[in-house]
Amino acid sequence: MDTLNIIFALLSIGLGAFGWLAPKYTMETLNLTGHTDTMGMSEISASAGALFVGMGMGALILGTPAAFAMIGFCWMGAAMGRLTSVFRDGATPKKWGFFAVEAAVGLSAIAYNL
């Protein structure tokens, strides 16, 4: 396990912690405010939060190149979903910015570990 892989894992854990532990903040950042049902916060906590925390923790525990490459595949999945939204729902600077981060982390983790 080396420094770059630890950074990939900690980035996943850190960003996931916001979604998991601060779902209201995450929803505001993603322009998802105005929902009165707590299911939205639950979904953010799970899919945009604890999922990424678990992914990063799992890679650190396993410590294999395949585990760290999986971080990249997960981030690329997020990038693919974001890009789909850009073309389906319309482009915004925020969407392009999130896509750029997701793709950069994803491609870097995959290229570094495969």
PDB file of N, CA and C in Angstrom:
ATOM      1  N   MET A   1       0.864  -1.176   0.000  1.00  0.00           N
ATOM      2  CA  MET A   1       0.000   0.000   0.000  1.00  0.00           C
ATOM      3  C   MET A   1       0.904   1.230   0.000  1.00  0.00           C
ATOM      4  N   ASP A   2       0.673   2.133  -0.915  1.00  0.00           N
ATOM      5  CA  ASP A   2       1.518   3.306  -0.991  1.00  0.00           C
ATOM      6  C   ASP A   2       0.715   4.590  -0.824  1.00  0.00           C
ATOM      7  N   THR A   3       1.400   5.688  -0.852  1.00  0.00           N
ATOM      8  CA  THR A   3       0.796   6.990  -0.534  1.00  0.00           C
ATOM      9  C   THR A   3      -0.354   7.350  -1.463  1.00  0.00           C
ATOM     10  N   LEU A   4      -0.173   7.165  -2.759  1.00  0.00           N
ATOM     11  CA  LEU A   4      -1.226   7.550  -3.699  1.00  0.00           C
ATOM     12  C   LEU A   4      -2.507   6.754  -3.463  1.00  0.00           C
ATOM     13  N   ASN A   5      -2.392   5.468  -3.217  1.00  0.00           N
ATOM     14  CA  ASN A   5      -3.580   4.657  -2.937  1.00  0.00           C
ATOM     15  C   ASN A   5      -4.242   5.069  -1.630  1.00  0.00           C
ATOM     16  N   ILE A   6      -3.450   5.410  -0.645  1.00  0.00           N
ATOM     17  CA  ILE A   6      -4.023   5.894   0.614  1.00  0.00           C
ATOM     18  C   ILE A   6      -4.787   7.190   0.375  1.00  0.00           C
ATOM     19  N   ILE A   7      -4.259   8.046  -0.480  1.00  0.00           N
ATOM     20  CA  ILE A   7      -4.958   9.294  -0.812  1.00  0.00           C
ATOM     21  C   ILE A   7      -6.288   9.000  -1.499  1.00  0.00           C
ATOM     22  N   PHE A   8      -6.297   8.048  -2.459  1.00  0.00           N
ATOM     23  CA  PHE A   8      -7.556   7.676  -3.123  1.00  0.00           C
ATOM     24  C   PHE A   8      -8.585   7.213  -2.086  1.00  0.00           C
ATOM     25  N   ALA A   9      -8.149   6.378  -1.168  1.00  0.00           N
ATOM     26  CA  ALA A   9      -9.059   5.836  -0.148  1.00  0.00           C
ATOM     27  C   ALA A   9      -9.532   6.933   0.794  1.00  0.00           C
ATOM     28  N   LEU A  10      -8.620   7.769   1.264  1.00  0.00           N
ATOM     29  CA  LEU A  10      -9.003   8.834   2.201  1.00  0.00           C
ATOM     30  C   LEU A  10      -9.894   9.873   1.536  1.00  0.00           C
ATOM     31  N   LEU A  11      -9.668  10.154   0.256  1.00  0.00           N
ATOM     32  CA  LEU A  11     -10.549  11.061  -0.482  1.00  0.00           C
ATOM     33  C   LEU A  11     -11.964  10.488  -0.535  1.00  0.00           C
ATOM     34  N   SER A  12     -12.070   9.198  -0.818  1.00  0.00           N
ATOM     35  CA  SER A  12     -13.381   8.549  -0.849  1.00  0.00           C
ATOM     36  C   SER A  12     -14.046   8.600   0.523  1.00  0.00           C
ATOM     37  N   ILE A  13     -13.278   8.291   1.558  1.00  0.00           N
ATOM     38  CA  ILE A  13     -13.823   8.305   2.923  1.00  0.00           C
ATOM     39  C   ILE A  13     -14.232   9.718   3.321  1.00  0.00           C
ATOM     40  N   GLY A  14     -13.374  10.684   3.047  1.00  0.00           N
ATOM     41  CA  GLY A  14     -13.661  12.068   3.442  1.00  0.00           C
ATOM     42  C   GLY A  14     -14.890  12.638   2.766  1.00  0.00           C
ATOM     43  N   LEU A  15     -14.965  12.479   1.449  1.00  0.00           N
ATOM     44  CA  LEU A  15     -16.135  12.995   0.738  1.00  0.00           C
ATOM     45  C   LEU A  15     -17.387  12.210   1.106  1.00  0.00           C
ATOM     46  N   GLY A  16     -17.238  10.909   1.298  1.00  0.00           N
ATOM     47  CA  GLY A  16     -18.376  10.093   1.719  1.00  0.00           C
ATOM     48  C   GLY A  16     -18.894  10.484   3.090  1.00  0.00           C
ATOM     49  N   ALA A  17     -17.979  10.907   3.966  1.00  0.00           N
ATOM     50  CA  ALA A  17     -18.389  11.307   5.318  1.00  0.00           C
ATOM     51  C   ALA A  17     -19.357  12.488   5.285  1.00  0.00           C
ATOM     52  N   PHE A  18     -19.165  13.395   4.327  1.00  0.00           N
ATOM     53  CA  PHE A  18     -20.105  14.515   4.219  1.00  0.00           C
ATOM     54  C   PHE A  18     -21.510  14.014   3.906  1.00  0.00           C
ATOM     55  N   GLY A  19     -21.633  13.143   2.924  1.00  0.00           N
ATOM     56  CA  GLY A  19     -22.943  12.605   2.569  1.00  0.00           C
ATOM     57  C   GLY A  19     -23.561  11.793   3.686  1.00  0.00           C
ATOM     58  N   TRP A  20     -22.732  11.052   4.376  1.00  0.00           N
ATOM     59  CA  TRP A  20     -23.207  10.181   5.450  1.00  0.00           C
ATOM     60  C   TRP A  20     -23.597  10.971   6.690  1.00  0.00           C
ATOM     61  N   LEU A  21     -22.715  11.841   7.143  1.00  0.00           N
ATOM     62  CA  LEU A  21     -22.915  12.518   8.429  1.00  0.00           C
ATOM     63  C   LEU A  21     -23.530  13.907   8.307  1.00  0.00           C
ATOM     64  N   ALA A  22     -23.509  14.477   7.115  1.00  0.00           N
ATOM     65  CA  ALA A  22     -24.101  15.804   6.901  1.00  0.00           C
ATOM     66  C   ALA A  22     -24.986  15.772   5.656  1.00  0.00           C
ATOM     67  N   PRO A  23     -26.044  14.958   5.683  1.00  0.00           N
ATOM     68  CA  PRO A  23     -26.867  14.833   4.472  1.00  0.00           C
ATOM     69  C   PRO A  23     -27.567  16.138   4.086  1.00  0.00           C
ATOM     70  N   LYS A  24     -27.939  16.963   5.053  1.00  0.00           N
ATOM     71  CA  LYS A  24     -28.585  18.234   4.710  1.00  0.00           C
ATOM     72  C   LYS A  24     -27.626  19.128   3.930  1.00  0.00           C
ATOM     73  N   TYR A  25     -26.387  19.224   4.409  1.00  0.00           N
ATOM     74  CA  TYR A  25     -25.368  20.008   3.718  1.00  0.00           C
ATOM     75  C   TYR A  25     -25.156  19.457   2.310  1.00  0.00           C
ATOM     76  N   THR A  26     -25.057  18.152   2.189  1.00  0.00           N
ATOM     77  CA  THR A  26     -24.840  17.517   0.891  1.00  0.00           C
ATOM     78  C   THR A  26     -26.014  17.796  -0.028  1.00  0.00           C
ATOM     79  N   MET A  27     -27.219  17.704   0.492  1.00  0.00           N
ATOM     80  CA  MET A  27     -28.404  17.965  -0.326  1.00  0.00           C
ATOM     81  C   MET A  27     -28.433  19.417  -0.793  1.00  0.00           C
ATOM     82  N   GLU A  28     -28.033  20.351   0.064  1.00  0.00           N
ATOM     83  CA  GLU A  28     -27.971  21.756  -0.338  1.00  0.00           C
ATOM     84  C   GLU A  28     -26.928  21.954  -1.431  1.00  0.00           C
ATOM     85  N   THR A  29     -25.777  21.308  -1.279  1.00  0.00           N
ATOM     86  CA  THR A  29     -24.711  21.414  -2.273  1.00  0.00           C
ATOM     87  C   THR A  29     -25.163  20.863  -3.615  1.00  0.00           C
ATOM     88  N   LEU A  30     -25.976  19.825  -3.593  1.00  0.00           N
ATOM     89  CA  LEU A  30     -26.460  19.182  -4.818  1.00  0.00           C
ATOM     90  C   LEU A  30     -27.799  19.743  -5.292  1.00  0.00           C
ATOM     91  N   ASN A  31     -28.233  20.852  -4.695  1.00  0.00           N
ATOM     92  CA  ASN A  31     -29.507  21.493  -5.065  1.00  0.00           C
ATOM     93  C   ASN A  31     -30.696  20.565  -4.871  1.00  0.00           C
ATOM     94  N   LEU A  32     -30.692  19.802  -3.795  1.00  0.00           N
ATOM     95  CA  LEU A  32     -31.788  18.876  -3.509  1.00  0.00           C
ATOM     96  C   LEU A  32     -32.612  19.329  -2.307  1.00  0.00           C
ATOM     97  N   THR A  33     -32.641  20.617  -2.045  1.00  0.00           N
ATOM     98  CA  THR A  33     -33.400  21.120  -0.901  1.00  0.00           C
ATOM     99  C   THR A  33     -34.884  21.176  -1.226  1.00  0.00           C
ATOM    100  N   GLY A  34     -35.681  21.308  -0.192  1.00  0.00           N
ATOM    101  CA  GLY A  34     -37.118  21.421  -0.367  1.00  0.00           C
ATOM    102  C   GLY A  34     -37.869  20.116  -0.185  1.00  0.00           C
ATOM    103  N   HIS A  35     -37.157  19.024   0.007  1.00  0.00           N
ATOM    104  CA  HIS A  35     -37.818  17.742   0.226  1.00  0.00           C
ATOM    105  C   HIS A  35     -38.207  17.625   1.696  1.00  0.00           C
ATOM    106  N   THR A  36     -39.440  17.254   1.936  1.00  0.00           N
ATOM    107  CA  THR A  36     -39.890  17.122   3.320  1.00  0.00           C
ATOM    108  C   THR A  36     -39.808  15.690   3.818  1.00  0.00           C
ATOM    109  N   ASP A  37     -39.689  14.757   2.904  1.00  0.00           N
ATOM    110  CA  ASP A  37     -39.590  13.344   3.262  1.00  0.00           C
ATOM    111  C   ASP A  37     -38.162  13.032   3.686  1.00  0.00           C
ATOM    112  N   THR A  38     -37.986  12.314   4.781  1.00  0.00           N
ATOM    113  CA  THR A  38     -36.642  11.983   5.250  1.00  0.00           C
ATOM    114  C   THR A  38     -35.984  10.890   4.417  1.00  0.00           C
ATOM    115  N   MET A  39     -36.708  10.295   3.492  1.00  0.00           N
ATOM    116  CA  MET A  39     -36.122   9.265   2.633  1.00  0.00           C
ATOM    117  C   MET A  39     -34.997   9.841   1.777  1.00  0.00           C
ATOM    118  N   GLY A  40     -35.123  11.094   1.370  1.00  0.00           N
ATOM    119  CA  GLY A  40     -34.077  11.740   0.585  1.00  0.00           C
ATOM    120  C   GLY A  40     -32.774  11.824   1.366  1.00  0.00           C
ATOM    121  N   MET A  41     -32.855  12.232   2.628  1.00  0.00           N
ATOM    122  CA  MET A  41     -31.649  12.297   3.459  1.00  0.00           C
ATOM    123  C   MET A  41     -31.092  10.905   3.699  1.00  0.00           C
ATOM    124  N   SER A  42     -31.973   9.937   3.853  1.00  0.00           N
ATOM    125  CA  SER A  42     -31.535   8.560   4.035  1.00  0.00           C
ATOM    126  C   SER A  42     -30.776   8.072   2.805  1.00  0.00           C
ATOM    127  N   GLU A  43     -31.281   8.398   1.633  1.00  0.00           N
ATOM    128  CA  GLU A  43     -30.622   7.980   0.390  1.00  0.00           C
ATOM    129  C   GLU A  43     -29.257   8.645   0.233  1.00  0.00           C
ATOM    130  N   ILE A  44     -29.161   9.914   0.558  1.00  0.00           N
ATOM    131  CA  ILE A  44     -27.876  10.611   0.494  1.00  0.00           C
ATOM    132  C   ILE A  44     -26.901   9.984   1.484  1.00  0.00           C
ATOM    133  N   SER A  45     -27.367   9.731   2.707  1.00  0.00           N
ATOM    134  CA  SER A  45     -26.500   9.109   3.716  1.00  0.00           C
ATOM    135  C   SER A  45     -25.960   7.771   3.243  1.00  0.00           C
ATOM    136  N   ALA A  46     -26.804   7.022   2.559  1.00  0.00           N
ATOM    137  CA  ALA A  46     -26.404   5.683   2.106  1.00  0.00           C
ATOM    138  C   ALA A  46     -25.576   5.732   0.826  1.00  0.00           C
ATOM    139  N   SER A  47     -26.149   6.292  -0.248  1.00  0.00           N
ATOM    140  CA  SER A  47     -25.516   6.167  -1.570  1.00  0.00           C
ATOM    141  C   SER A  47     -24.429   7.189  -1.841  1.00  0.00           C
ATOM    142  N   ALA A  48     -24.550   8.380  -1.313  1.00  0.00           N
ATOM    143  CA  ALA A  48     -23.513   9.393  -1.532  1.00  0.00           C
ATOM    144  C   ALA A  48     -22.620   9.531  -0.304  1.00  0.00           C
ATOM    145  N   GLY A  49     -22.849   8.703   0.684  1.00  0.00           N
ATOM    146  CA  GLY A  49     -22.102   8.825   1.918  1.00  0.00           C
ATOM    147  C   GLY A  49     -21.413   7.560   2.359  1.00  0.00           C
ATOM    148  N   ALA A  50     -22.126   6.777   3.128  1.00  0.00           N
ATOM    149  CA  ALA A  50     -21.530   5.597   3.755  1.00  0.00           C
ATOM    150  C   ALA A  50     -21.029   4.585   2.721  1.00  0.00           C
ATOM    151  N   LEU A  51     -21.615   4.541   1.545  1.00  0.00           N
ATOM    152  CA  LEU A  51     -21.120   3.657   0.494  1.00  0.00           C
ATOM    153  C   LEU A  51     -19.666   3.994   0.149  1.00  0.00           C
ATOM    154  N   PHE A  52     -19.362   5.283   0.011  1.00  0.00           N
ATOM    155  CA  PHE A  52     -17.998   5.696  -0.299  1.00  0.00           C
ATOM    156  C   PHE A  52     -17.069   5.505   0.893  1.00  0.00           C
ATOM    157  N   VAL A  53     -17.585   5.688   2.097  1.00  0.00           N
ATOM    158  CA  VAL A  53     -16.785   5.420   3.296  1.00  0.00           C
ATOM    159  C   VAL A  53     -16.413   3.939   3.334  1.00  0.00           C
ATOM    160  N   GLY A  54     -17.386   3.075   3.123  1.00  0.00           N
ATOM    161  CA  GLY A  54     -17.135   1.640   3.129  1.00  0.00           C
ATOM    162  C   GLY A  54     -16.177   1.218   2.027  1.00  0.00           C
ATOM    163  N   MET A  55     -16.304   1.825   0.872  1.00  0.00           N
ATOM    164  CA  MET A  55     -15.421   1.525  -0.244  1.00  0.00           C
ATOM    165  C   MET A  55     -13.971   1.873   0.111  1.00  0.00           C
ATOM    166  N   GLY A  56     -13.757   3.056   0.645  1.00  0.00           N
ATOM    167  CA  GLY A  56     -12.406   3.470   1.023  1.00  0.00           C
ATOM    168  C   GLY A  56     -11.836   2.644   2.154  1.00  0.00           C
ATOM    169  N   MET A  57     -12.663   2.362   3.161  1.00  0.00           N
ATOM    170  CA  MET A  57     -12.207   1.541   4.286  1.00  0.00           C
ATOM    171  C   MET A  57     -11.875   0.123   3.818  1.00  0.00           C
ATOM    172  N   GLY A  58     -12.702  -0.429   2.967  1.00  0.00           N
ATOM    173  CA  GLY A  58     -12.455  -1.770   2.454  1.00  0.00           C
ATOM    174  C   GLY A  58     -11.138  -1.852   1.697  1.00  0.00           C
ATOM    175  N   ALA A  59     -10.854  -0.848   0.885  1.00  0.00           N
ATOM    176  CA  ALA A  59      -9.591  -0.837   0.144  1.00  0.00           C
ATOM    177  C   ALA A  59      -8.406  -0.741   1.090  1.00  0.00           C
ATOM    178  N   LEU A  60      -8.526   0.076   2.134  1.00  0.00           N
ATOM    179  CA  LEU A  60      -7.431   0.181   3.109  1.00  0.00           C
ATOM    180  C   LEU A  60      -7.222  -1.132   3.852  1.00  0.00           C
ATOM    181  N   ILE A  61      -8.305  -1.798   4.200  1.00  0.00           N
ATOM    182  CA  ILE A  61      -8.197  -3.070   4.930  1.00  0.00           C
ATOM    183  C   ILE A  61      -7.599  -4.152   4.036  1.00  0.00           C
ATOM    184  N   LEU A  62      -8.089  -4.264   2.791  1.00  0.00           N
ATOM    185  CA  LEU A  62      -7.586  -5.287   1.885  1.00  0.00           C
ATOM    186  C   LEU A  62      -6.169  -4.965   1.402  1.00  0.00           C
ATOM    187  N   GLY A  63      -5.941  -3.706   1.090  1.00  0.00           N
ATOM    188  CA  GLY A  63      -4.613  -3.252   0.718  1.00  0.00           C
ATOM    189  C   GLY A  63      -4.052  -3.822  -0.570  1.00  0.00           C
ATOM    190  N   THR A  64      -4.894  -4.301  -1.463  1.00  0.00           N
ATOM    191  CA  THR A  64      -4.414  -4.884  -2.713  1.00  0.00           C
ATOM    192  C   THR A  64      -4.630  -3.906  -3.871  1.00  0.00           C
ATOM    193  N   PRO A  65      -3.849  -4.050  -4.934  1.00  0.00           N
ATOM    194  CA  PRO A  65      -4.089  -3.200  -6.099  1.00  0.00           C
ATOM    195  C   PRO A  65      -5.516  -3.335  -6.640  1.00  0.00           C
ATOM    196  N   ALA A  66      -6.064  -4.530  -6.615  1.00  0.00           N
ATOM    197  CA  ALA A  66      -7.436  -4.718  -7.102  1.00  0.00           C
ATOM    198  C   ALA A  66      -8.434  -3.932  -6.250  1.00  0.00           C
ATOM    199  N   ALA A  67      -8.219  -3.893  -4.946  1.00  0.00           N
ATOM    200  CA  ALA A  67      -9.119  -3.147  -4.070  1.00  0.00           C
ATOM    201  C   ALA A  67      -9.052  -1.652  -4.374  1.00  0.00           C
ATOM    202  N   PHE A  68      -7.851  -1.143  -4.619  1.00  0.00           N
ATOM    203  CA  PHE A  68      -7.712   0.276  -4.934  1.00  0.00           C
ATOM    204  C   PHE A  68      -8.196   0.585  -6.347  1.00  0.00           C
ATOM    205  N   ALA A  69      -8.037  -0.366  -7.279  1.00  0.00           N
ATOM    206  CA  ALA A  69      -8.605  -0.184  -8.619  1.00  0.00           C
ATOM    207  C   ALA A  69     -10.127  -0.114  -8.531  1.00  0.00           C
ATOM    208  N   MET A  70     -10.723  -0.878  -7.620  1.00  0.00           N
ATOM    209  CA  MET A  70     -12.176  -0.862  -7.461  1.00  0.00           C
ATOM    210  C   MET A  70     -12.653   0.527  -7.034  1.00  0.00           C
ATOM    211  N   ILE A  71     -11.848   1.223  -6.234  1.00  0.00           N
ATOM    212  CA  ILE A  71     -12.193   2.620  -5.923  1.00  0.00           C
ATOM    213  C   ILE A  71     -12.349   3.395  -7.229  1.00  0.00           C
ATOM    214  N   GLY A  72     -11.401   3.193  -8.137  1.00  0.00           N
ATOM    215  CA  GLY A  72     -11.465   3.875  -9.425  1.00  0.00           C
ATOM    216  C   GLY A  72     -12.695   3.507 -10.227  1.00  0.00           C
ATOM    217  N   PHE A  73     -13.040   2.224 -10.246  1.00  0.00           N
ATOM    218  CA  PHE A  73     -14.236   1.806 -10.984  1.00  0.00           C
ATOM    219  C   PHE A  73     -15.498   2.420 -10.380  1.00  0.00           C
ATOM    220  N   CYS A  74     -15.552   2.516  -9.073  1.00  0.00           N
ATOM    221  CA  CYS A  74     -16.719   3.131  -8.420  1.00  0.00           C
ATOM    222  C   CYS A  74     -16.820   4.614  -8.772  1.00  0.00           C
ATOM    223  N   TRP A  75     -15.690   5.321  -8.706  1.00  0.00           N
ATOM    224  CA  TRP A  75     -15.691   6.741  -9.071  1.00  0.00           C
ATOM    225  C   TRP A  75     -16.048   6.920 -10.547  1.00  0.00           C
ATOM    226  N   MET A  76     -15.597   6.005 -11.401  1.00  0.00           N
ATOM    227  CA  MET A  76     -15.952   6.092 -12.818  1.00  0.00           C
ATOM    228  C   MET A  76     -17.440   5.814 -13.026  1.00  0.00           C
ATOM    229  N   GLY A  77     -18.015   4.952 -12.200  1.00  0.00           N
ATOM    230  CA  GLY A  77     -19.464   4.754 -12.255  1.00  0.00           C
ATOM    231  C   GLY A  77     -20.203   6.040 -11.932  1.00  0.00           C
ATOM    232  N   ALA A  78     -19.721   6.752 -10.918  1.00  0.00           N
ATOM    233  CA  ALA A  78     -20.326   8.043 -10.573  1.00  0.00           C
ATOM    234  C   ALA A  78     -20.155   9.027 -11.728  1.00  0.00           C
ATOM    235  N   ALA A  79     -18.976   9.042 -12.343  1.00  0.00           N
ATOM    236  CA  ALA A  79     -18.728   9.940 -13.473  1.00  0.00           C
ATOM    237  C   ALA A  79     -19.645   9.610 -14.647  1.00  0.00           C
ATOM    238  N   MET A  80     -19.854   8.323 -14.893  1.00  0.00           N
ATOM    239  CA  MET A  80     -20.739   7.902 -15.977  1.00  0.00           C
ATOM    240  C   MET A  80     -22.177   8.380 -15.713  1.00  0.00           C
ATOM    241  N   GLY A  81     -22.621   8.236 -14.480  1.00  0.00           N
ATOM    242  CA  GLY A  81     -23.958   8.719 -14.130  1.00  0.00           C
ATOM    243  C   GLY A  81     -24.068  10.226 -14.277  1.00  0.00           C
ATOM    244  N   ARG A  82     -23.022  10.936 -13.874  1.00  0.00           N
ATOM    245  CA  ARG A  82     -23.018  12.400 -13.988  1.00  0.00           C
ATOM    246  C   ARG A  82     -23.054  12.815 -15.452  1.00  0.00           C
ATOM    247  N   LEU A  83     -22.241  12.160 -16.294  1.00  0.00           N
ATOM    248  CA  LEU A  83     -22.203  12.501 -17.709  1.00  0.00           C
ATOM    249  C   LEU A  83     -23.548  12.196 -18.383  1.00  0.00           C
ATOM    250  N   THR A  84     -24.166  11.101 -17.981  1.00  0.00           N
ATOM    251  CA  THR A  84     -25.501  10.790 -18.492  1.00  0.00           C
ATOM    252  C   THR A  84     -26.464  11.926 -18.172  1.00  0.00           C
ATOM    253  N   SER A  85     -26.387  12.440 -16.948  1.00  0.00           N
ATOM    254  CA  SER A  85     -27.263  13.543 -16.547  1.00  0.00           C
ATOM    255  C   SER A  85     -26.981  14.809 -17.346  1.00  0.00           C
ATOM    256  N   VAL A  86     -25.705  15.074 -17.626  1.00  0.00           N
ATOM    257  CA  VAL A  86     -25.351  16.255 -18.421  1.00  0.00           C
ATOM    258  C   VAL A  86     -26.072  16.213 -19.765  1.00  0.00           C
ATOM    259  N   PHE A  87     -26.030  15.065 -20.424  1.00  0.00           N
ATOM    260  CA  PHE A  87     -26.649  14.961 -21.746  1.00  0.00           C
ATOM    261  C   PHE A  87     -28.161  14.783 -21.692  1.00  0.00           C
ATOM    262  N   ARG A  88     -28.649  14.116 -20.677  1.00  0.00           N
ATOM    263  CA  ARG A  88     -30.086  13.865 -20.568  1.00  0.00           C
ATOM    264  C   ARG A  88     -30.834  15.058 -19.992  1.00  0.00           C
ATOM    265  N   ASP A  89     -30.256  15.652 -18.925  1.00  0.00           N
ATOM    266  CA  ASP A  89     -30.980  16.673 -18.165  1.00  0.00           C
ATOM    267  C   ASP A  89     -30.486  18.088 -18.398  1.00  0.00           C
ATOM    268  N   GLY A  90     -29.371  18.234 -19.067  1.00  0.00           N
ATOM    269  CA  GLY A  90     -28.800  19.551 -19.319  1.00  0.00           C
ATOM    270  C   GLY A  90     -27.516  19.771 -18.534  1.00  0.00           C
ATOM    271  N   ALA A  91     -26.619  20.490 -19.152  1.00  0.00           N
ATOM    272  CA  ALA A  91     -25.304  20.753 -18.559  1.00  0.00           C
ATOM    273  C   ALA A  91     -25.344  21.992 -17.675  1.00  0.00           C
ATOM    274  N   THR A  92     -24.601  21.932 -16.589  1.00  0.00           N
ATOM    275  CA  THR A  92     -24.366  23.093 -15.735  1.00  0.00           C
ATOM    276  C   THR A  92     -22.889  23.073 -15.339  1.00  0.00           C
ATOM    277  N   PRO A  93     -22.346  24.214 -14.964  1.00  0.00           N
ATOM    278  CA  PRO A  93     -20.950  24.219 -14.516  1.00  0.00           C
ATOM    279  C   PRO A  93     -20.717  23.299 -13.316  1.00  0.00           C
ATOM    280  N   LYS A  94     -21.682  23.234 -12.414  1.00  0.00           N
ATOM    281  CA  LYS A  94     -21.532  22.368 -11.232  1.00  0.00           C
ATOM    282  C   LYS A  94     -21.453  20.903 -11.636  1.00  0.00           C
ATOM    283  N   LYS A  95     -22.311  20.488 -12.567  1.00  0.00           N
ATOM    284  CA  LYS A  95     -22.273  19.099 -13.032  1.00  0.00           C
ATOM    285  C   LYS A  95     -20.931  18.787 -13.682  1.00  0.00           C
ATOM    286  N   TRP A  96     -20.436  19.696 -14.525  1.00  0.00           N
ATOM    287  CA  TRP A  96     -19.156  19.463 -15.180  1.00  0.00           C
ATOM    288  C   TRP A  96     -18.024  19.411 -14.161  1.00  0.00           C
ATOM    289  N   GLY A  97     -18.099  20.236 -13.141  1.00  0.00           N
ATOM    290  CA  GLY A  97     -17.073  20.218 -12.094  1.00  0.00           C
ATOM    291  C   GLY A  97     -17.061  18.910 -11.325  1.00  0.00           C
ATOM    292  N   PHE A  98     -18.236  18.442 -10.931  1.00  0.00           N
ATOM    293  CA  PHE A  98     -18.325  17.160 -10.224  1.00  0.00           C
ATOM    294  C   PHE A  98     -17.839  16.027 -11.130  1.00  0.00           C
ATOM    295  N   PHE A  99     -18.243  16.071 -12.409  1.00  0.00           N
ATOM    296  CA  PHE A  99     -17.797  15.053 -13.359  1.00  0.00           C
ATOM    297  C   PHE A  99     -16.268  15.038 -13.464  1.00  0.00           C
ATOM    298  N   ALA A 100     -15.667  16.212 -13.540  1.00  0.00           N
ATOM    299  CA  ALA A 100     -14.209  16.288 -13.682  1.00  0.00           C
ATOM    300  C   ALA A 100     -13.501  15.643 -12.491  1.00  0.00           C
ATOM    301  N   VAL A 101     -13.985  15.903 -11.280  1.00  0.00           N
ATOM    302  CA  VAL A 101     -13.378  15.303 -10.090  1.00  0.00           C
ATOM    303  C   VAL A 101     -13.578  13.787 -10.098  1.00  0.00           C
ATOM    304  N   GLU A 102     -14.802  13.363 -10.368  1.00  0.00           N
ATOM    305  CA  GLU A 102     -15.097  11.916 -10.370  1.00  0.00           C
ATOM    306  C   GLU A 102     -14.252  11.173 -11.406  1.00  0.00           C
ATOM    307  N   ALA A 103     -14.172  11.733 -12.604  1.00  0.00           N
ATOM    308  CA  ALA A 103     -13.402  11.086 -13.659  1.00  0.00           C
ATOM    309  C   ALA A 103     -11.907  11.102 -13.347  1.00  0.00           C
ATOM    310  N   ALA A 104     -11.411  12.199 -12.797  1.00  0.00           N
ATOM    311  CA  ALA A 104      -9.981  12.291 -12.477  1.00  0.00           C
ATOM    312  C   ALA A 104      -9.584  11.275 -11.417  1.00  0.00           C
ATOM    313  N   VAL A 105     -10.368  11.180 -10.352  1.00  0.00           N
ATOM    314  CA  VAL A 105     -10.066  10.202  -9.301  1.00  0.00           C
ATOM    315  C   VAL A 105     -10.212   8.785  -9.863  1.00  0.00           C
ATOM    316  N   GLY A 106     -11.293   8.545 -10.590  1.00  0.00           N
ATOM    317  CA  GLY A 106     -11.541   7.208 -11.129  1.00  0.00           C
ATOM    318  C   GLY A 106     -10.458   6.741 -12.076  1.00  0.00           C
ATOM    319  N   LEU A 107     -10.150   7.545 -13.071  1.00  0.00           N
ATOM    320  CA  LEU A 107      -9.141   7.163 -14.052  1.00  0.00           C
ATOM    321  C   LEU A 107      -7.767   7.013 -13.406  1.00  0.00           C
ATOM    322  N   SER A 108      -7.446   7.897 -12.483  1.00  0.00           N
ATOM    323  CA  SER A 108      -6.148   7.823 -11.807  1.00  0.00           C
ATOM    324  C   SER A 108      -6.018   6.543 -11.009  1.00  0.00           C
ATOM    325  N   ALA A 109      -7.035   6.199 -10.236  1.00  0.00           N
ATOM    326  CA  ALA A 109      -6.972   4.991  -9.409  1.00  0.00           C
ATOM    327  C   ALA A 109      -6.899   3.730 -10.261  1.00  0.00           C
ATOM    328  N   ILE A 110      -7.637   3.718 -11.371  1.00  0.00           N
ATOM    329  CA  ILE A 110      -7.597   2.552 -12.256  1.00  0.00           C
ATOM    330  C   ILE A 110      -6.223   2.442 -12.918  1.00  0.00           C
ATOM    331  N   ALA A 111      -5.759   3.532 -13.514  1.00  0.00           N
ATOM    332  CA  ALA A 111      -4.479   3.501 -14.224  1.00  0.00           C
ATOM    333  C   ALA A 111      -3.319   3.154 -13.295  1.00  0.00           C
ATOM    334  N   TYR A 112      -3.366   3.645 -12.091  1.00  0.00           N
ATOM    335  CA  TYR A 112      -2.277   3.414 -11.149  1.00  0.00           C
ATOM    336  C   TYR A 112      -2.230   1.965 -10.652  1.00  0.00           C
ATOM    337  N   ASN A 113      -3.383   1.316 -10.621  1.00  0.00           N
ATOM    338  CA  ASN A 113      -3.452  -0.011 -10.002  1.00  0.00           C
ATOM    339  C   ASN A 113      -3.621  -1.178 -10.962  1.00  0.00           C
ATOM    340  N   LEU A 114      -3.825  -0.921 -12.227  1.00  0.00           N
ATOM    341  CA  LEU A 114      -3.965  -2.036 -13.173  1.00  0.00           C
ATOM    342  C   LEU A 114      -2.761  -2.112 -14.110  1.00  0.00           C
TER     343      LEU A 114
END
